[in-house]
Amino acid sequence: MNIGELISAWEKDYSWVGKTPNPFIKKDVCILLNPYIPNEVVIYLSITDNTLFVDGKLEPFMRSMQFITFGQGNAELNKNGDAVRLKSELEQFTNSTIQEREEQIKEWEDKGMKIETSNPLMWKDIK
């Protein structure tokens, strides 16, 4: 799988809190030329969730990461190395982001706060 295919697959993956898909999370990707290394790019990726309400108040959540390629402009380097590295970093980023959001929800639950979501695929009233 190349970098473009990895990014497309990541954008279409709606895995989210509680192992329930959330097609309403927003995943953004911005790819810019690396100003310091010719033929290389910097990829900015972010996940935004605006579907959670705590005690009736929207609790937005956003996390982002950046990825810098190193093997695209050098035929001697393994171009697939960037794709392998991106796949690993995307998995780690996505999993840690979901875990962080789940921990926030647990904290709110422990405080007895009312948690609701606008995602119809999730439970309507979490607590």
Protein backbone atom coordinates (compact mmCIF):
# COMPACT_ATOMS: atom_id res chain seq x y z
CA MET A 1 0.00 0.00 0.00
CA ASN A 2 1.39 3.41 -0.89
CA ILE A 3 1.06 6.63 1.12
CA GLY A 4 -1.99 7.86 -0.81
CA GLU A 5 -3.82 4.56 -0.32
CA LEU A 6 -2.98 4.58 3.40
CA ILE A 7 -4.34 8.09 3.83
CA SER A 8 -7.53 7.26 1.90
CA ALA A 9 -8.12 4.15 4.00
CA TRP A 10 -7.51 6.13 7.21
CA GLU A 11 -9.98 8.84 6.16
CA LYS A 12 -12.66 6.20 5.49
CA ASP A 13 -12.09 4.39 8.81
CA TYR A 14 -14.78 5.53 11.25
CA SER A 15 -13.53 3.51 14.24
CA TRP A 16 -14.19 5.47 17.37
CA VAL A 17 -15.08 5.38 21.06
CA GLY A 18 -16.55 2.14 22.38
CA LYS A 19 -15.62 0.32 19.19
CA THR A 20 -18.68 1.90 17.57
CA PRO A 21 -18.19 3.54 14.17
CA ASN A 22 -18.73 7.28 14.04
CA PRO A 23 -19.11 8.61 10.49
CA PHE A 24 -19.47 12.11 11.96
CA ILE A 25 -15.90 12.44 13.18
CA LYS A 26 -13.92 14.63 10.82
CA LYS A 27 -10.54 13.59 9.50
CA ASP A 28 -8.50 16.22 7.72
CA VAL A 29 -5.33 15.79 5.71
CA CYS A 30 -3.08 18.53 4.39
CA ILE A 31 0.01 17.68 2.32
CA LEU A 32 2.64 20.34 1.77
CA LEU A 33 6.03 20.27 0.08
CA ASN A 34 8.83 20.09 2.62
CA PRO A 35 10.65 23.45 2.33
CA TYR A 36 13.91 21.93 3.62
CA ILE A 37 14.16 18.65 1.68
CA PRO A 38 13.46 18.65 -2.07
CA ASN A 39 10.90 16.11 -3.36
CA GLU A 40 9.68 15.34 0.17
CA VAL A 41 6.41 16.28 1.83
CA VAL A 42 5.01 17.08 5.26
CA ILE A 43 1.62 15.51 5.93
CA TYR A 44 -0.64 17.01 8.61
CA LEU A 45 -3.48 14.77 9.83
CA SER A 46 -6.20 15.58 12.35
CA ILE A 47 -9.25 13.99 13.95
CA THR A 48 -12.10 16.18 15.21
CA ASP A 49 -15.11 14.96 17.19
CA ASN A 50 -18.04 17.34 17.70
CA THR A 51 -20.61 14.68 18.59
CA LEU A 52 -20.38 14.51 22.39
CA PHE A 53 -22.45 16.51 24.85
CA VAL A 54 -21.67 16.56 28.57
CA ASP A 55 -24.41 17.96 30.82
CA GLY A 56 -25.98 19.45 27.69
CA LYS A 57 -22.82 21.25 26.57
CA LEU A 58 -20.87 20.32 23.42
CA GLU A 59 -17.43 18.96 24.30
CA PRO A 60 -15.32 19.30 21.15
CA PHE A 61 -12.19 17.20 20.79
CA MET A 62 -9.33 17.48 18.29
CA ARG A 63 -5.96 15.85 17.96
CA SER A 64 -3.40 16.15 15.19
CA MET A 65 -0.08 14.76 14.05
CA GLN A 66 2.47 15.46 11.35
CA PHE A 67 4.42 13.03 9.23
CA ILE A 68 7.53 13.89 7.20
CA THR A 69 8.63 11.70 4.30
CA PHE A 70 12.31 10.91 3.77
CA GLY A 71 12.45 8.36 0.94
CA GLN A 72 10.33 9.90 -1.80
CA GLY A 73 13.04 11.97 -3.46
CA ASN A 74 15.90 9.48 -3.20
CA ALA A 75 15.77 6.43 -5.46
CA GLU A 76 18.37 4.68 -3.31
CA LEU A 77 16.16 4.78 -0.22
CA ASN A 78 13.29 2.36 0.20
CA LYS A 79 10.23 4.39 -0.85
CA ASN A 80 8.00 1.83 0.85
CA GLY A 81 9.76 2.66 4.10
CA ASP A 82 7.76 5.88 4.32
CA ALA A 83 4.51 3.98 3.76
CA VAL A 84 5.39 1.36 6.38
CA ARG A 85 6.34 4.08 8.86
CA LEU A 86 3.18 6.09 8.10
CA LYS A 87 0.97 3.02 8.60
CA SER A 88 2.51 2.38 12.00
CA GLU A 89 2.30 6.03 13.09
CA LEU A 90 -1.31 6.36 11.89
CA GLU A 91 -2.35 3.26 13.84
CA GLN A 92 -0.65 4.57 16.97
CA PHE A 93 -2.14 8.06 16.51
CA THR A 94 -5.66 6.74 15.95
CA ASN A 95 -5.52 4.28 18.85
CA SER A 96 -4.08 6.80 21.31
CA THR A 97 -6.65 9.42 20.23
CA ILE A 98 -9.54 6.99 20.80
CA GLN A 99 -8.06 5.94 24.15
CA GLU A 100 -7.73 9.56 25.25
CA ARG A 101 -11.36 10.31 24.36
CA GLU A 102 -12.52 7.16 26.17
CA GLU A 103 -10.59 8.25 29.27
CA GLN A 104 -12.29 11.66 29.15
CA ILE A 105 -15.70 9.98 28.98
CA LYS A 106 -14.80 7.72 31.92
CA GLU A 107 -13.80 10.76 34.00
CA TRP A 108 -17.13 12.45 33.23
CA GLU A 109 -19.02 9.25 34.05
CA ASP A 110 -17.16 8.95 37.36
CA LYS A 111 -18.28 12.49 38.20
CA GLY A 112 -21.89 11.53 37.45
CA MET A 113 -22.21 13.85 34.46
CA LYS A 114 -24.84 13.22 31.79
CA ILE A 115 -23.15 12.19 28.54
CA GLU A 116 -25.00 12.15 25.22
CA THR A 117 -23.96 11.86 21.59
CA SER A 118 -25.35 13.03 18.28
CA ASN A 119 -23.97 9.89 16.59
CA PRO A 120 -27.06 7.74 15.91
CA LEU A 121 -24.90 4.62 15.74
CA MET A 122 -23.86 5.04 19.39
CA TRP A 123 -25.95 4.85 22.47
CA LYS A 124 -28.26 7.87 22.72
CA ASP A 125 -27.65 8.46 26.38
CA ILE A 126 -24.22 7.20 27.43
CA LYS A 127 -24.92 7.88 31.10
